Amino acid sequence: MNGHIYFEIHAEDPMRAANFYKGVFGWKIEKAEEATPVPYWRIQTGGTAGGLLKRPASTPPLGCGTNAYVCSVEVEDFEATARIISELGGNVAMPKFAVPGVCWQGYFIDTEGNTFGIFQVDEDSK
């Protein structure tokens, strides 16, 4: 079983993306100290680890769907997080919807054109 998970965010402007995700989720994002083939930032979420780098290829045009593995982040308050996403320049890709007996889910577009999700566990399903 593969238990270790690592994610990467590609960005046209890595610092803009770092500020967006720091503001939305409170993640710690720092430039890698060690030598890397390209400028790279380490992401500490308090759980799963990740990285951030300059996008190596063109961003697909809006409306074309994603060209990557989409990650969803658990949040305590869906509406409050959605407001922060909007305030920091993100946009709704798919409005909040119920996954019956599991959670409330929604998808957004970050400042770099990447799709990501947020979900709030449905406490009534526990």
Protein backbone atom coordinates (compact mmCIF):
# COMPACT_ATOMS: atom_id res chain seq x y z
CA MET A 1 0.00 0.00 0.00
CA ASN A 2 1.34 3.44 -0.91
CA GLY A 3 0.83 5.63 2.13
CA HIS A 4 3.19 8.57 1.56
CA ILE A 5 1.68 11.47 -0.37
CA TYR A 6 3.44 14.55 -1.73
CA PHE A 7 1.93 17.26 -3.92
CA GLU A 8 3.33 20.01 -6.12
CA ILE A 9 1.79 23.27 -7.26
CA HIS A 10 2.94 24.72 -10.58
CA ALA A 11 2.76 28.49 -10.87
CA GLU A 12 3.43 31.24 -13.37
CA ASP A 13 4.40 33.44 -10.41
CA PRO A 14 5.57 31.25 -7.49
CA MET A 15 5.57 34.09 -4.95
CA ARG A 16 2.00 35.07 -5.86
CA ALA A 17 0.95 31.44 -5.48
CA ALA A 18 2.80 31.13 -2.17
CA ASN A 19 1.02 34.20 -0.81
CA PHE A 20 -2.34 32.84 -2.00
CA TYR A 21 -1.95 29.45 -0.28
CA LYS A 22 -0.42 30.95 2.87
CA GLY A 23 -3.44 33.26 3.09
CA VAL A 24 -6.08 30.63 2.37
CA PHE A 25 -4.78 27.67 4.41
CA GLY A 26 -2.07 29.13 6.65
CA TRP A 27 0.59 26.89 5.11
CA LYS A 28 4.27 27.55 5.75
CA ILE A 29 6.05 27.98 2.38
CA GLU A 30 9.80 28.57 2.23
CA LYS A 31 12.36 28.60 -0.58
CA ALA A 32 14.45 25.42 -0.58
CA GLU A 33 17.89 26.02 0.90
CA GLU A 34 19.52 23.11 -0.88
CA ALA A 35 20.55 23.19 -4.54
CA THR A 36 17.64 22.21 -6.80
CA PRO A 37 17.49 21.98 -10.61
CA VAL A 38 14.91 24.81 -10.64
CA PRO A 39 13.88 27.33 -7.96
CA TYR A 40 11.74 25.35 -5.51
CA TRP A 41 9.70 26.13 -2.41
CA ARG A 42 8.85 23.59 0.32
CA ILE A 43 5.27 23.54 1.63
CA GLN A 44 4.42 22.46 5.17
CA THR A 45 0.70 22.00 5.72
CA GLY A 46 0.72 20.45 9.18
CA GLY A 47 0.01 17.14 7.43
CA THR A 48 0.89 16.23 3.86
CA ALA A 49 4.07 17.85 2.52
CA GLY A 50 4.34 19.56 -0.82
CA GLY A 51 6.33 21.77 -3.13
CA LEU A 52 5.91 24.80 -5.34
CA LEU A 53 7.75 25.61 -8.56
CA LYS A 54 7.51 27.71 -11.71
CA ARG A 55 5.16 26.10 -14.23
CA PRO A 56 7.27 24.18 -16.78
CA ALA A 57 4.61 24.28 -19.52
CA SER A 58 1.77 26.53 -20.68
CA THR A 59 -1.35 26.86 -18.56
CA PRO A 60 -4.39 25.33 -20.28
CA PRO A 61 -6.98 27.96 -21.26
CA LEU A 62 -9.92 28.48 -18.88
CA GLY A 63 -12.80 26.11 -19.58
CA CYS A 64 -10.53 23.30 -20.82
CA GLY A 65 -10.47 21.34 -17.58
CA THR A 66 -7.38 20.34 -15.69
CA ASN A 67 -4.19 18.76 -16.90
CA ALA A 68 -3.00 17.58 -13.51
CA TYR A 69 -3.93 15.62 -10.43
CA VAL A 70 -6.44 17.71 -8.46
CA CYS A 71 -5.99 17.86 -4.68
CA SER A 72 -8.71 18.75 -2.18
CA VAL A 73 -7.96 20.20 1.24
CA GLU A 74 -10.12 19.59 4.31
CA VAL A 75 -11.32 22.83 5.94
CA GLU A 76 -13.29 23.53 9.10
CA ASP A 77 -15.67 26.08 7.56
CA PHE A 78 -16.41 25.81 3.83
CA GLU A 79 -18.08 29.22 3.49
CA ALA A 80 -15.37 31.10 5.39
CA THR A 81 -12.61 29.46 3.34
CA ALA A 82 -14.46 30.13 0.07
CA ARG A 83 -14.67 33.83 1.03
CA ILE A 84 -10.93 33.96 1.70
CA ILE A 85 -10.21 32.25 -1.63
CA SER A 86 -12.28 34.89 -3.41
CA GLU A 87 -10.68 37.77 -1.47
CA LEU A 88 -7.20 36.51 -2.42
CA GLY A 89 -7.98 36.30 -6.13
CA GLY A 90 -9.31 32.75 -6.53
CA ASN A 91 -12.46 31.87 -8.48
CA VAL A 92 -15.17 29.24 -8.18
CA ALA A 93 -14.78 26.38 -10.67
CA MET A 94 -17.62 24.23 -9.28
CA PRO A 95 -19.86 25.54 -6.48
CA LYS A 96 -20.33 23.76 -3.17
CA PHE A 97 -22.18 20.44 -3.46
CA ALA A 98 -23.02 17.57 -1.13
CA VAL A 99 -21.26 14.23 -1.20
CA PRO A 100 -24.05 12.48 0.72
CA GLY A 101 -22.96 11.11 4.07
CA VAL A 102 -19.37 12.31 3.58
CA CYS A 103 -18.76 16.03 3.07
CA TRP A 104 -19.49 19.34 1.36
CA GLN A 105 -17.15 19.74 -1.62
CA GLY A 106 -16.32 22.52 -4.07
CA TYR A 107 -13.62 23.37 -6.61
CA PHE A 108 -11.77 26.61 -7.22
CA ILE A 109 -9.18 28.13 -9.56
CA ASP A 110 -6.13 29.65 -7.83
CA THR A 111 -4.21 32.75 -8.93
CA GLU A 112 -2.12 30.56 -11.27
CA GLY A 113 -4.98 28.88 -13.12
CA ASN A 114 -4.75 25.63 -11.12
CA THR A 115 -7.86 23.75 -10.03
CA PHE A 116 -8.04 22.65 -6.38
CA GLY A 117 -10.81 21.54 -4.07
CA ILE A 118 -11.89 22.16 -0.51
CA PHE A 119 -14.20 20.02 1.55
CA GLN A 120 -15.87 20.23 4.94
CA VAL A 121 -16.68 16.93 6.63
CA ASP A 122 -20.41 16.43 7.10
CA GLU A 123 -20.60 16.06 10.88
CA ASP A 124 -24.07 14.48 10.59
CA SER A 125 -22.52 11.54 8.73
CA LYS A 126 -20.26 10.52 11.63
